[in-house]
PDB file of all heavy atoms in Angstrom:
ATOM      1  N   LEU A   1      20.482 -22.501  12.569  1.00  0.00           N
ATOM      2  CA  LEU A   1      19.229 -22.627  11.884  1.00  0.00           C
ATOM      3  C   LEU A   1      18.058 -22.952  12.891  1.00  0.00           C
ATOM      4  O   LEU A   1      16.968 -22.343  12.717  1.00  0.00           O
ATOM      5  CB  LEU A   1      19.332 -23.767  10.867  1.00  0.00           C
ATOM      6  CG  LEU A   1      20.157 -23.528   9.617  1.00  0.00           C
ATOM      7  CD1 LEU A   1      20.407 -24.731   8.808  1.00  0.00           C
ATOM      8  CD2 LEU A   1      19.577 -22.334   8.786  1.00  0.00           C
ATOM      9  N   TRP A   2      18.300 -23.755  13.917  1.00  0.00           N
ATOM     10  CA  TRP A   2      17.204 -24.123  14.786  1.00  0.00           C
ATOM     11  C   TRP A   2      16.966 -22.860  15.694  1.00  0.00           C
ATOM     12  O   TRP A   2      15.804 -22.593  15.955  1.00  0.00           O
ATOM     13  CB  TRP A   2      17.691 -25.283  15.685  1.00  0.00           C
ATOM     14  CG  TRP A   2      16.653 -25.707  16.611  1.00  0.00           C
ATOM     15  CD1 TRP A   2      16.645 -25.546  17.955  1.00  0.00           C
ATOM     16  CD2 TRP A   2      15.400 -26.432  16.314  1.00  0.00           C
ATOM     17  NE1 TRP A   2      15.520 -26.109  18.456  1.00  0.00           N
ATOM     18  CE2 TRP A   2      14.694 -26.634  17.520  1.00  0.00           C
ATOM     19  CE3 TRP A   2      14.827 -26.895  15.124  1.00  0.00           C
ATOM     20  CZ2 TRP A   2      13.518 -27.310  17.573  1.00  0.00           C
ATOM     21  CZ3 TRP A   2      13.650 -27.588  15.124  1.00  0.00           C
ATOM     22  CH2 TRP A   2      12.986 -27.735  16.367  1.00  0.00           C
ATOM     23  N   LEU A   3      18.050 -22.186  16.168  1.00  0.00           N
ATOM     24  CA  LEU A   3      17.831 -21.030  17.014  1.00  0.00           C
ATOM     25  C   LEU A   3      16.958 -20.038  16.310  1.00  0.00           C
ATOM     26  O   LEU A   3      16.012 -19.399  16.847  1.00  0.00           O
ATOM     27  CB  LEU A   3      19.209 -20.399  17.332  1.00  0.00           C
ATOM     28  CG  LEU A   3      19.211 -19.183  18.197  1.00  0.00           C
ATOM     29  CD1 LEU A   3      18.491 -19.405  19.554  1.00  0.00           C
ATOM     30  CD2 LEU A   3      20.595 -18.558  18.368  1.00  0.00           C
ATOM     31  N   GLY A   4      17.253 -19.706  14.962  1.00  0.00           N
ATOM     32  CA  GLY A   4      16.460 -18.785  14.247  1.00  0.00           C
ATOM     33  C   GLY A   4      15.070 -19.167  14.083  1.00  0.00           C
ATOM     34  O   GLY A   4      14.139 -18.348  14.094  1.00  0.00           O
ATOM     35  N   SER A   5      14.846 -20.479  13.901  1.00  0.00           N
ATOM     36  CA  SER A   5      13.481 -20.970  13.723  1.00  0.00           C
ATOM     37  C   SER A   5      12.691 -20.851  14.919  1.00  0.00           C
ATOM     38  O   SER A   5      11.470 -20.687  14.943  1.00  0.00           O
ATOM     39  CB  SER A   5      13.451 -22.393  13.165  1.00  0.00           C
ATOM     40  OG  SER A   5      13.921 -23.291  14.183  1.00  0.00           O
ATOM     41  N   ILE A   6      13.329 -20.885  16.102  1.00  0.00           N
ATOM     42  CA  ILE A   6      12.699 -20.857  17.423  1.00  0.00           C
ATOM     43  C   ILE A   6      12.369 -19.434  17.839  1.00  0.00           C
ATOM     44  O   ILE A   6      11.266 -19.019  18.240  1.00  0.00           O
ATOM     45  CB  ILE A   6      13.477 -21.534  18.551  1.00  0.00           C
ATOM     46  CG1 ILE A   6      13.589 -23.073  18.261  1.00  0.00           C
ATOM     47  CG2 ILE A   6      12.945 -21.233  19.873  1.00  0.00           C
ATOM     48  CD1 ILE A   6      12.271 -23.869  18.489  1.00  0.00           C
ATOM     49  N   VAL A   7      13.381 -18.594  17.746  1.00  0.00           N
ATOM     50  CA  VAL A   7      13.235 -17.206  18.234  1.00  0.00           C
ATOM     51  C   VAL A   7      12.792 -16.251  17.227  1.00  0.00           C
ATOM     52  O   VAL A   7      12.291 -15.144  17.488  1.00  0.00           O
ATOM     53  CB  VAL A   7      14.532 -16.703  18.880  1.00  0.00           C
ATOM     54  CG1 VAL A   7      15.016 -17.603  19.998  1.00  0.00           C
ATOM     55  CG2 VAL A   7      15.656 -16.503  17.899  1.00  0.00           C
ATOM     56  N   GLY A   8      12.870 -16.674  15.935  1.00  0.00           N
ATOM     57  CA  GLY A   8      12.482 -15.722  14.806  1.00  0.00           C
ATOM     58  C   GLY A   8      13.663 -15.075  14.201  1.00  0.00           C
ATOM     59  O   GLY A   8      14.673 -14.623  14.830  1.00  0.00           O
ATOM     60  N   TRP A   9      13.648 -15.009  12.836  1.00  0.00           N
ATOM     61  CA  TRP A   9      14.839 -14.404  12.114  1.00  0.00           C
ATOM     62  C   TRP A   9      14.850 -12.942  12.242  1.00  0.00           C
ATOM     63  O   TRP A   9      15.850 -12.330  11.756  1.00  0.00           O
ATOM     64  CB  TRP A   9      14.784 -14.898  10.710  1.00  0.00           C
ATOM     65  CG  TRP A   9      15.055 -16.336  10.631  1.00  0.00           C
ATOM     66  CD1 TRP A   9      14.178 -17.405  10.328  1.00  0.00           C
ATOM     67  CD2 TRP A   9      16.374 -17.004  10.770  1.00  0.00           C
ATOM     68  NE1 TRP A   9      14.776 -18.565  10.345  1.00  0.00           N
ATOM     69  CE2 TRP A   9      16.077 -18.411  10.649  1.00  0.00           C
ATOM     70  CE3 TRP A   9      17.582 -16.524  11.041  1.00  0.00           C
ATOM     71  CZ2 TRP A   9      17.159 -19.319  10.734  1.00  0.00           C
ATOM     72  CZ3 TRP A   9      18.633 -17.461  11.133  1.00  0.00           C
ATOM     73  CH2 TRP A   9      18.399 -18.808  10.957  1.00  0.00           C
ATOM     74  N   ASP A  10      13.850 -12.249  12.870  1.00  0.00           N
ATOM     75  CA  ASP A  10      13.942 -10.872  13.050  1.00  0.00           C
ATOM     76  C   ASP A  10      14.731 -10.500  14.258  1.00  0.00           C
ATOM     77  O   ASP A  10      15.033  -9.367  14.519  1.00  0.00           O
ATOM     78  CB  ASP A  10      12.499 -10.317  13.212  1.00  0.00           C
ATOM     79  CG  ASP A  10      11.703 -10.890  14.335  1.00  0.00           C
ATOM     80  OD1 ASP A  10      11.874 -12.188  14.572  1.00  0.00           O
ATOM     81  OD2 ASP A  10      10.882 -10.280  15.009  1.00  0.00           O
ATOM     82  N   LYS A  11      15.131 -11.522  15.038  1.00  0.00           N
ATOM     83  CA  LYS A  11      15.912 -11.370  16.214  1.00  0.00           C
ATOM     84  C   LYS A  11      17.378 -11.398  15.831  1.00  0.00           C
ATOM     85  O   LYS A  11      17.771 -11.904  14.820  1.00  0.00           O
ATOM     86  CB  LYS A  11      15.633 -12.378  17.307  1.00  0.00           C
ATOM     87  CG  LYS A  11      14.178 -12.489  17.654  1.00  0.00           C
ATOM     88  CD  LYS A  11      13.808 -11.248  18.479  1.00  0.00           C
ATOM     89  CE  LYS A  11      12.502 -11.388  19.122  1.00  0.00           C
ATOM     90  NZ  LYS A  11      11.317 -11.714  18.267  1.00  0.00           N
ATOM     91  N   PRO A  12      18.266 -10.890  16.769  1.00  0.00           N
ATOM     92  CA  PRO A  12      19.765 -10.938  16.410  1.00  0.00           C
ATOM     93  C   PRO A  12      20.329 -12.296  16.582  1.00  0.00           C
ATOM     94  O   PRO A  12      21.176 -12.524  17.646  1.00  0.00           O
ATOM     95  CB  PRO A  12      20.269  -9.877  17.345  1.00  0.00           C
ATOM     96  CG  PRO A  12      19.378  -9.875  18.563  1.00  0.00           C
ATOM     97  CD  PRO A  12      17.971 -10.163  17.980  1.00  0.00           C
ATOM     98  N   VAL A  13      20.071 -13.235  15.785  1.00  0.00           N
ATOM     99  CA  VAL A  13      20.475 -14.620  15.939  1.00  0.00           C
ATOM    100  C   VAL A  13      21.989 -14.780  15.966  1.00  0.00           C
ATOM    101  O   VAL A  13      22.475 -15.530  16.836  1.00  0.00           O
ATOM    102  CB  VAL A  13      19.866 -15.541  14.859  1.00  0.00           C
ATOM    103  CG1 VAL A  13      20.332 -16.998  14.846  1.00  0.00           C
ATOM    104  CG2 VAL A  13      18.291 -15.473  14.936  1.00  0.00           C
ATOM    105  N   LEU A  14      22.680 -14.156  15.133  1.00  0.00           N
ATOM    106  CA  LEU A  14      24.110 -14.254  15.156  1.00  0.00           C
ATOM    107  C   LEU A  14      24.759 -13.656  16.368  1.00  0.00           C
ATOM    108  O   LEU A  14      25.695 -14.215  16.906  1.00  0.00           O
ATOM    109  CB  LEU A  14      24.675 -13.619  13.860  1.00  0.00           C
ATOM    110  CG  LEU A  14      24.457 -14.236  12.573  1.00  0.00           C
ATOM    111  CD1 LEU A  14      25.033 -13.477  11.396  1.00  0.00           C
ATOM    112  CD2 LEU A  14      24.896 -15.681  12.529  1.00  0.00           C
ATOM    113  N   GLU A  15      24.162 -12.528  16.864  1.00  0.00           N
ATOM    114  CA  GLU A  15      24.636 -11.989  18.068  1.00  0.00           C
ATOM    115  C   GLU A  15      24.450 -12.801  19.298  1.00  0.00           C
ATOM    116  O   GLU A  15      25.165 -12.791  20.298  1.00  0.00           O
ATOM    117  CB  GLU A  15      24.014 -10.614  18.378  1.00  0.00           C
ATOM    118  CG  GLU A  15      24.505  -9.490  17.428  1.00  0.00           C
ATOM    119  CD  GLU A  15      23.912  -9.551  15.994  1.00  0.00           C
ATOM    120  OE1 GLU A  15      23.115 -10.381  15.741  1.00  0.00           O
ATOM    121  OE2 GLU A  15      24.276  -8.671  15.214  1.00  0.00           O
ATOM    122  N   TRP A  16      23.366 -13.658  19.267  1.00  0.00           N
ATOM    123  CA  TRP A  16      23.100 -14.532  20.381  1.00  0.00           C
ATOM    124  C   TRP A  16      23.748 -15.909  20.273  1.00  0.00           C
ATOM    125  O   TRP A  16      24.162 -16.381  21.292  1.00  0.00           O
ATOM    126  CB  TRP A  16      21.559 -14.787  20.449  1.00  0.00           C
ATOM    127  CG  TRP A  16      20.784 -13.579  20.815  1.00  0.00           C
ATOM    128  CD1 TRP A  16      21.207 -12.367  21.306  1.00  0.00           C
ATOM    129  CD2 TRP A  16      19.311 -13.429  20.846  1.00  0.00           C
ATOM    130  NE1 TRP A  16      20.178 -11.537  21.600  1.00  0.00           N
ATOM    131  CE2 TRP A  16      19.022 -12.143  21.270  1.00  0.00           C
ATOM    132  CE3 TRP A  16      18.300 -14.304  20.453  1.00  0.00           C
ATOM    133  CZ2 TRP A  16      17.692 -11.727  21.396  1.00  0.00           C
ATOM    134  CZ3 TRP A  16      17.014 -13.880  20.577  1.00  0.00           C
ATOM    135  CH2 TRP A  16      16.715 -12.615  20.955  1.00  0.00           C
ATOM    136  N   GLY A  17      23.843 -16.337  19.087  1.00  0.00           N
ATOM    137  CA  GLY A  17      24.280 -17.810  18.941  1.00  0.00           C
ATOM    138  C   GLY A  17      25.608 -18.058  18.227  1.00  0.00           C
ATOM    139  O   GLY A  17      25.981 -19.181  18.021  1.00  0.00           O
ATOM    140  N   PHE A  18      26.289 -16.929  17.825  1.00  0.00           N
ATOM    141  CA  PHE A  18      27.529 -17.175  17.004  1.00  0.00           C
ATOM    142  C   PHE A  18      28.646 -16.281  17.472  1.00  0.00           C
ATOM    143  O   PHE A  18      29.722 -16.791  17.921  1.00  0.00           O
ATOM    144  CB  PHE A  18      27.204 -16.956  15.556  1.00  0.00           C
ATOM    145  CG  PHE A  18      28.343 -17.149  14.607  1.00  0.00           C
ATOM    146  CD1 PHE A  18      28.979 -18.384  14.506  1.00  0.00           C
ATOM    147  CD2 PHE A  18      28.819 -16.048  13.840  1.00  0.00           C
ATOM    148  CE1 PHE A  18      30.022 -18.587  13.643  1.00  0.00           C
ATOM    149  CE2 PHE A  18      29.825 -16.341  12.952  1.00  0.00           C
ATOM    150  CZ  PHE A  18      30.449 -17.543  12.891  1.00  0.00           C
ATOM    151  N   TYR A  19      28.541 -15.007  17.392  1.00  0.00           N
ATOM    152  CA  TYR A  19      29.619 -14.128  17.596  1.00  0.00           C
ATOM    153  C   TYR A  19      30.236 -14.230  19.109  1.00  0.00           C
ATOM    154  O   TYR A  19      31.404 -14.269  19.233  1.00  0.00           O
ATOM    155  CB  TYR A  19      29.194 -12.643  17.403  1.00  0.00           C
ATOM    156  CG  TYR A  19      28.795 -12.270  16.041  1.00  0.00           C
ATOM    157  CD1 TYR A  19      27.700 -11.372  15.823  1.00  0.00           C
ATOM    158  CD2 TYR A  19      29.476 -12.870  14.963  1.00  0.00           C
ATOM    159  CE1 TYR A  19      27.359 -11.014  14.508  1.00  0.00           C
ATOM    160  CE2 TYR A  19      29.112 -12.506  13.657  1.00  0.00           C
ATOM    161  CZ  TYR A  19      28.046 -11.623  13.412  1.00  0.00           C
ATOM    162  OH  TYR A  19      27.665 -11.300  12.103  1.00  0.00           O
ATOM    163  N   PRO A  20      29.367 -14.395  20.143  1.00  0.00           N
ATOM    164  CA  PRO A  20      29.944 -14.522  21.447  1.00  0.00           C
ATOM    165  C   PRO A  20      30.897 -15.744  21.606  1.00  0.00           C
ATOM    166  O   PRO A  20      31.737 -15.724  22.580  1.00  0.00           O
ATOM    167  CB  PRO A  20      28.706 -14.572  22.385  1.00  0.00           C
ATOM    168  CG  PRO A  20      27.616 -14.121  21.589  1.00  0.00           C
ATOM    169  CD  PRO A  20      27.951 -14.449  20.126  1.00  0.00           C
ATOM    170  N   PHE A  21      30.812 -16.756  20.811  1.00  0.00           N
ATOM    171  CA  PHE A  21      31.493 -17.997  21.008  1.00  0.00           C
ATOM    172  C   PHE A  21      32.788 -18.008  20.173  1.00  0.00           C
ATOM    173  O   PHE A  21      33.546 -19.002  20.295  1.00  0.00           O
ATOM    174  CB  PHE A  21      30.623 -19.205  20.678  1.00  0.00           C
ATOM    175  CG  PHE A  21      29.373 -19.191  21.453  1.00  0.00           C
ATOM    176  CD1 PHE A  21      28.165 -18.757  20.914  1.00  0.00           C
ATOM    177  CD2 PHE A  21      29.312 -19.621  22.805  1.00  0.00           C
ATOM    178  CE1 PHE A  21      26.972 -18.795  21.671  1.00  0.00           C
ATOM    179  CE2 PHE A  21      28.169 -19.635  23.492  1.00  0.00           C
ATOM    180  CZ  PHE A  21      27.013 -19.166  22.931  1.00  0.00           C
ATOM    181  N   LEU A  22      33.027 -17.079  19.272  1.00  0.00           N
ATOM    182  CA  LEU A  22      34.085 -17.220  18.251  1.00  0.00           C
ATOM    183  C   LEU A  22      35.456 -17.236  18.931  1.00  0.00           C
ATOM    184  O   LEU A  22      36.280 -18.063  18.552  1.00  0.00           O
ATOM    185  CB  LEU A  22      33.989 -16.092  17.272  1.00  0.00           C
ATOM    186  CG  LEU A  22      32.855 -16.197  16.231  1.00  0.00           C
ATOM    187  CD1 LEU A  22      32.854 -15.047  15.250  1.00  0.00           C
ATOM    188  CD2 LEU A  22      33.028 -17.505  15.373  1.00  0.00           C
ATOM    189  N   ALA A  23      35.681 -16.305  19.896  1.00  0.00           N
ATOM    190  CA  ALA A  23      37.034 -16.250  20.444  1.00  0.00           C
ATOM    191  C   ALA A  23      37.289 -17.539  21.237  1.00  0.00           C
ATOM    192  O   ALA A  23      38.416 -18.057  21.073  1.00  0.00           O
ATOM    193  CB  ALA A  23      37.105 -15.023  21.437  1.00  0.00           C
ATOM    194  N   GLY A  24      36.426 -18.011  22.030  1.00  0.00           N
ATOM    195  CA  GLY A  24      36.602 -19.185  22.706  1.00  0.00           C
ATOM    196  C   GLY A  24      36.811 -20.402  21.908  1.00  0.00           C
ATOM    197  O   GLY A  24      37.683 -21.260  22.121  1.00  0.00           O
ATOM    198  N   ASP A  25      36.009 -20.515  20.805  1.00  0.00           N
ATOM    199  CA  ASP A  25      36.145 -21.668  19.955  1.00  0.00           C
ATOM    200  C   ASP A  25      37.468 -21.583  19.144  1.00  0.00           C
ATOM    201  O   ASP A  25      38.111 -22.639  18.851  1.00  0.00           O
ATOM    202  CB  ASP A  25      35.002 -21.703  18.938  1.00  0.00           C
ATOM    203  CG  ASP A  25      33.752 -22.221  19.597  1.00  0.00           C
ATOM    204  OD1 ASP A  25      33.856 -22.806  20.694  1.00  0.00           O
ATOM    205  OD2 ASP A  25      32.651 -22.071  19.062  1.00  0.00           O
ATOM    206  N   ALA A  26      37.952 -20.404  18.847  1.00  0.00           N
ATOM    207  CA  ALA A  26      39.264 -20.233  18.172  1.00  0.00           C
ATOM    208  C   ALA A  26      40.384 -20.806  19.162  1.00  0.00           C
ATOM    209  O   ALA A  26      41.301 -21.461  18.677  1.00  0.00           O
ATOM    210  CB  ALA A  26      39.594 -18.817  17.795  1.00  0.00           C
ATOM    211  N   LEU A  27      40.278 -20.464  20.427  1.00  0.00           N
ATOM    212  CA  LEU A  27      41.227 -20.953  21.377  1.00  0.00           C
ATOM    213  C   LEU A  27      41.166 -22.493  21.460  1.00  0.00           C
ATOM    214  O   LEU A  27      42.196 -23.106  21.498  1.00  0.00           O
ATOM    215  CB  LEU A  27      40.958 -20.346  22.761  1.00  0.00           C
ATOM    216  CG  LEU A  27      41.844 -20.780  23.894  1.00  0.00           C
ATOM    217  CD1 LEU A  27      43.314 -20.606  23.595  1.00  0.00           C
ATOM    218  CD2 LEU A  27      41.440 -20.176  25.213  1.00  0.00           C
ATOM    219  N   LYS A  28      40.034 -23.006  21.564  1.00  0.00           N
ATOM    220  CA  LYS A  28      39.800 -24.480  21.566  1.00  0.00           C
ATOM    221  C   LYS A  28      40.366 -25.122  20.359  1.00  0.00           C
ATOM    222  O   LYS A  28      40.924 -26.275  20.363  1.00  0.00           O
ATOM    223  CB  LYS A  28      38.371 -24.851  21.864  1.00  0.00           C
ATOM    224  CG  LYS A  28      37.930 -24.470  23.293  1.00  0.00           C
ATOM    225  CD  LYS A  28      36.446 -24.803  23.535  1.00  0.00           C
ATOM    226  CE  LYS A  28      35.566 -23.721  23.141  1.00  0.00           C
ATOM    227  NZ  LYS A  28      34.173 -23.913  23.589  1.00  0.00           N
ATOM    228  N   LEU A  29      40.111 -24.548  19.185  1.00  0.00           N
ATOM    229  CA  LEU A  29      40.659 -25.076  17.858  1.00  0.00           C
ATOM    230  C   LEU A  29      42.129 -25.116  18.038  1.00  0.00           C
ATOM    231  O   LEU A  29      42.792 -26.162  17.509  1.00  0.00           O
ATOM    232  CB  LEU A  29      40.162 -24.203  16.745  1.00  0.00           C
ATOM    233  CG  LEU A  29      40.527 -24.694  15.348  1.00  0.00           C
ATOM    234  CD1 LEU A  29      39.402 -24.169  14.409  1.00  0.00           C
ATOM    235  CD2 LEU A  29      41.821 -24.081  14.914  1.00  0.00           C
ATOM    236  N   LEU A  30      42.782 -24.089  18.521  1.00  0.00           N
ATOM    237  CA  LEU A  30      44.215 -24.075  18.561  1.00  0.00           C
ATOM    238  C   LEU A  30      44.738 -25.083  19.478  1.00  0.00           C
ATOM    239  O   LEU A  30      45.693 -25.902  19.193  1.00  0.00           O
ATOM    240  CB  LEU A  30      44.652 -22.645  19.022  1.00  0.00           C
ATOM    241  CG  LEU A  30      46.202 -22.440  19.273  1.00  0.00           C
ATOM    242  CD1 LEU A  30      46.933 -22.662  17.981  1.00  0.00           C
ATOM    243  CD2 LEU A  30      46.494 -21.080  19.877  1.00  0.00           C
ATOM    244  N   LEU A  31      44.093 -25.317  20.667  1.00  0.00           N
ATOM    245  CA  LEU A  31      44.538 -26.360  21.599  1.00  0.00           C
ATOM    246  C   LEU A  31      44.414 -27.681  20.993  1.00  0.00           C
ATOM    247  O   LEU A  31      45.345 -28.477  21.117  1.00  0.00           O
ATOM    248  CB  LEU A  31      43.659 -26.237  22.854  1.00  0.00           C
ATOM    249  CG  LEU A  31      43.829 -25.056  23.839  1.00  0.00           C
ATOM    250  CD1 LEU A  31      42.785 -25.124  24.934  1.00  0.00           C
ATOM    251  CD2 LEU A  31      45.183 -25.198  24.451  1.00  0.00           C
ATOM    252  N   ALA A  32      43.305 -28.019  20.344  1.00  0.00           N
ATOM    253  CA  ALA A  32      43.152 -29.363  19.662  1.00  0.00           C
ATOM    254  C   ALA A  32      44.213 -29.566  18.623  1.00  0.00           C
ATOM    255  O   ALA A  32      44.680 -30.716  18.507  1.00  0.00           O
ATOM    256  CB  ALA A  32      41.791 -29.472  19.233  1.00  0.00           C
ATOM    257  N   SER A  33      44.466 -28.507  17.890  1.00  0.00           N
ATOM    258  CA  SER A  33      45.376 -28.691  16.769  1.00  0.00           C
ATOM    259  C   SER A  33      46.840 -28.857  17.245  1.00  0.00           C
ATOM    260  O   SER A  33      47.684 -29.443  16.444  1.00  0.00           O
ATOM    261  CB  SER A  33      45.379 -27.349  15.873  1.00  0.00           C
ATOM    262  OG  SER A  33      44.043 -27.160  15.389  1.00  0.00           O
ATOM    263  N   LEU A  34      47.132 -28.474  18.446  1.00  0.00           N
ATOM    264  CA  LEU A  34      48.396 -28.695  19.046  1.00  0.00           C
ATOM    265  C   LEU A  34      48.429 -30.015  19.722  1.00  0.00           C
ATOM    266  O   LEU A  34      49.480 -30.784  19.657  1.00  0.00           O
ATOM    267  CB  LEU A  34      48.769 -27.591  19.959  1.00  0.00           C
ATOM    268  CG  LEU A  34      49.077 -26.178  19.359  1.00  0.00           C
ATOM    269  CD1 LEU A  34      49.259 -25.118  20.521  1.00  0.00           C
ATOM    270  CD2 LEU A  34      50.233 -26.153  18.433  1.00  0.00           C
ATOM    271  N   MET A  35      47.403 -30.368  20.405  1.00  0.00           N
ATOM    272  CA  MET A  35      47.384 -31.569  21.283  1.00  0.00           C
ATOM    273  C   MET A  35      47.474 -32.838  20.511  1.00  0.00           C
ATOM    274  O   MET A  35      48.244 -33.775  20.861  1.00  0.00           O
ATOM    275  CB  MET A  35      46.191 -31.506  22.223  1.00  0.00           C
ATOM    276  CG  MET A  35      46.196 -30.446  23.308  1.00  0.00           C
ATOM    277  SD  MET A  35      44.513 -30.265  24.023  1.00  0.00           S
ATOM    278  CE  MET A  35      44.059 -31.949  24.360  1.00  0.00           C
ATOM    279  N   VAL A  36      46.556 -33.040  19.549  1.00  0.00           N
ATOM    280  CA  VAL A  36      46.405 -34.321  18.880  1.00  0.00           C
ATOM    281  C   VAL A  36      47.625 -34.741  18.032  1.00  0.00           C
ATOM    282  O   VAL A  36      48.101 -35.888  18.211  1.00  0.00           O
ATOM    283  CB  VAL A  36      45.063 -34.480  18.145  1.00  0.00           C
ATOM    284  CG1 VAL A  36      45.006 -35.771  17.411  1.00  0.00           C
ATOM    285  CG2 VAL A  36      43.888 -34.237  19.068  1.00  0.00           C
ATOM    286  N   PRO A  37      48.111 -33.825  17.255  1.00  0.00           N
ATOM    287  CA  PRO A  37      49.388 -34.157  16.524  1.00  0.00           C
ATOM    288  C   PRO A  37      50.550 -34.454  17.491  1.00  0.00           C
ATOM    289  O   PRO A  37      51.430 -35.331  17.188  1.00  0.00           O
ATOM    290  CB  PRO A  37      49.663 -32.999  15.703  1.00  0.00           C
ATOM    291  CG  PRO A  37      48.329 -32.334  15.447  1.00  0.00           C
ATOM    292  CD  PRO A  37      47.619 -32.560  16.739  1.00  0.00           C
ATOM    293  N   ALA A  38      50.547 -33.761  18.650  1.00  0.00           N
ATOM    294  CA  ALA A  38      51.679 -34.018  19.609  1.00  0.00           C
ATOM    295  C   ALA A  38      51.496 -35.474  20.174  1.00  0.00           C
ATOM    296  O   ALA A  38      52.443 -36.178  20.429  1.00  0.00           O
ATOM    297  CB  ALA A  38      51.573 -33.020  20.834  1.00  0.00           C
ATOM    298  N   VAL A  39      50.253 -35.912  20.416  1.00  0.00           N
ATOM    299  CA  VAL A  39      50.038 -37.290  20.870  1.00  0.00           C
ATOM    300  C   VAL A  39      50.520 -38.252  19.830  1.00  0.00           C
ATOM    301  O   VAL A  39      51.198 -39.230  20.177  1.00  0.00           O
ATOM    302  CB  VAL A  39      48.493 -37.521  21.128  1.00  0.00           C
ATOM    303  CG1 VAL A  39      48.253 -38.984  21.382  1.00  0.00           C
ATOM    304  CG2 VAL A  39      48.131 -36.750  22.384  1.00  0.00           C
ATOM    305  N   TRP A  40      50.215 -37.998  18.556  1.00  0.00           N
ATOM    306  CA  TRP A  40      50.770 -38.891  17.535  1.00  0.00           C
ATOM    307  C   TRP A  40      52.267 -38.940  17.482  1.00  0.00           C
ATOM    308  O   TRP A  40      52.870 -39.934  17.188  1.00  0.00           O
ATOM    309  CB  TRP A  40      50.191 -38.458  16.200  1.00  0.00           C
ATOM    310  CG  TRP A  40      48.841 -39.015  15.903  1.00  0.00           C
ATOM    311  CD1 TRP A  40      47.669 -38.188  15.651  1.00  0.00           C
ATOM    312  CD2 TRP A  40      48.344 -40.352  15.914  1.00  0.00           C
ATOM    313  NE1 TRP A  40      46.608 -39.034  15.569  1.00  0.00           N
ATOM    314  CE2 TRP A  40      46.998 -40.396  15.608  1.00  0.00           C
ATOM    315  CE3 TRP A  40      49.038 -41.551  16.004  1.00  0.00           C
ATOM    316  CZ2 TRP A  40      46.271 -41.569  15.572  1.00  0.00           C
ATOM    317  CZ3 TRP A  40      48.304 -42.822  15.999  1.00  0.00           C
ATOM    318  CH2 TRP A  40      46.961 -42.759  15.746  1.00  0.00           C
ATOM    319  N   ARG A  41      52.911 -37.757  17.697  1.00  0.00           N
ATOM    320  CA  ARG A  41      54.432 -37.760  17.711  1.00  0.00           C
ATOM    321  C   ARG A  41      54.899 -38.643  18.806  1.00  0.00           C
ATOM    322  O   ARG A  41      55.931 -39.370  18.725  1.00  0.00           O
ATOM    323  CB  ARG A  41      54.920 -36.359  17.790  1.00  0.00           C
ATOM    324  CG  ARG A  41      54.805 -35.520  16.541  1.00  0.00           C
ATOM    325  CD  ARG A  41      55.593 -34.228  16.529  1.00  0.00           C
ATOM    326  NE  ARG A  41      55.097 -33.346  17.518  1.00  0.00           N
ATOM    327  CZ  ARG A  41      54.169 -32.450  17.402  1.00  0.00           C
ATOM    328  NH1 ARG A  41      53.560 -32.362  16.208  1.00  0.00           N
ATOM    329  NH2 ARG A  41      53.896 -31.620  18.321  1.00  0.00           N
ATOM    330  N   LEU A  42      54.261 -38.561  20.057  1.00  0.00           N
ATOM    331  CA  LEU A  42      54.647 -39.334  21.075  1.00  0.00           C
ATOM    332  C   LEU A  42      54.430 -40.915  20.827  1.00  0.00           C
ATOM    333  O   LEU A  42      55.325 -41.705  21.182  1.00  0.00           O
ATOM    334  CB  LEU A  42      53.880 -39.055  22.385  1.00  0.00           C
ATOM    335  CG  LEU A  42      54.192 -37.668  22.984  1.00  0.00           C
ATOM    336  CD1 LEU A  42      53.243 -37.344  24.136  1.00  0.00           C
ATOM    337  CD2 LEU A  42      55.656 -37.631  23.587  1.00  0.00           C
ATOM    338  N   LEU A  43      53.321 -41.204  20.268  1.00  0.00           N
ATOM    339  CA  LEU A  43      53.055 -42.607  19.875  1.00  0.00           C
ATOM    340  C   LEU A  43      54.050 -43.042  18.863  1.00  0.00           C
ATOM    341  O   LEU A  43      54.545 -44.257  18.909  1.00  0.00           O
ATOM    342  CB  LEU A  43      51.656 -42.744  19.384  1.00  0.00           C
ATOM    343  CG  LEU A  43      50.546 -42.580  20.363  1.00  0.00           C
ATOM    344  CD1 LEU A  43      49.129 -42.568  19.718  1.00  0.00           C
ATOM    345  CD2 LEU A  43      50.589 -43.675  21.443  1.00  0.00           C
TER     346      LEU A  43
END
Protein backbone atom coordinates (compact mmCIF):
# COMPACT_ATOMS: atom_id res chain seq x y z
CA LEU A 1 0.00 0.00 0.00
CA TRP A 2 2.80 2.41 0.86
CA LEU A 3 4.86 1.47 -2.21
CA GLY A 4 1.89 2.08 -4.47
CA SER A 5 1.16 5.44 -2.87
CA ILE A 6 4.78 6.52 -3.36
CA VAL A 7 5.48 5.32 -6.90
CA GLY A 8 1.92 5.49 -8.23
CA TRP A 9 -0.58 2.72 -8.88
CA ASP A 10 0.04 2.96 -12.62
CA LYS A 11 3.43 1.34 -11.98
CA PRO A 12 3.96 -2.45 -11.68
CA VAL A 13 3.75 -2.42 -7.88
CA LEU A 14 3.29 -6.18 -7.49
CA GLU A 15 6.18 -6.90 -9.86
CA TRP A 16 8.44 -4.63 -7.80
CA GLY A 17 7.29 -5.32 -4.25
CA PHE A 18 5.65 -8.74 -4.12
CA TYR A 19 6.33 -11.34 -6.81
CA PRO A 20 10.15 -11.30 -6.57
CA PHE A 21 10.03 -12.17 -2.86
CA LEU A 22 7.53 -15.05 -2.92
CA ALA A 23 9.97 -17.92 -3.48
CA GLY A 24 12.37 -16.72 -0.81
CA ASP A 25 9.58 -16.09 1.68
CA ALA A 26 8.11 -19.54 1.05
CA LEU A 27 11.51 -21.06 1.87
CA LYS A 28 11.77 -18.96 5.05
CA LEU A 29 8.23 -19.96 6.04
CA LEU A 30 9.18 -23.62 5.66
CA LEU A 31 12.35 -23.18 7.72
CA ALA A 32 10.52 -21.45 10.56
CA SER A 33 7.73 -24.01 10.49
CA LEU A 34 10.26 -26.78 10.99
CA MET A 35 12.58 -25.01 13.42
CA VAL A 36 10.28 -23.69 16.14
CA PRO A 37 8.19 -26.84 16.71
CA ALA A 38 11.49 -28.79 16.79
CA VAL A 39 12.72 -26.48 19.57
CA TRP A 40 9.52 -27.18 21.51
CA ARG A 41 10.02 -30.94 21.10
CA LEU A 42 13.55 -30.59 22.48
CA LEU A 43 12.31 -28.51 25.41
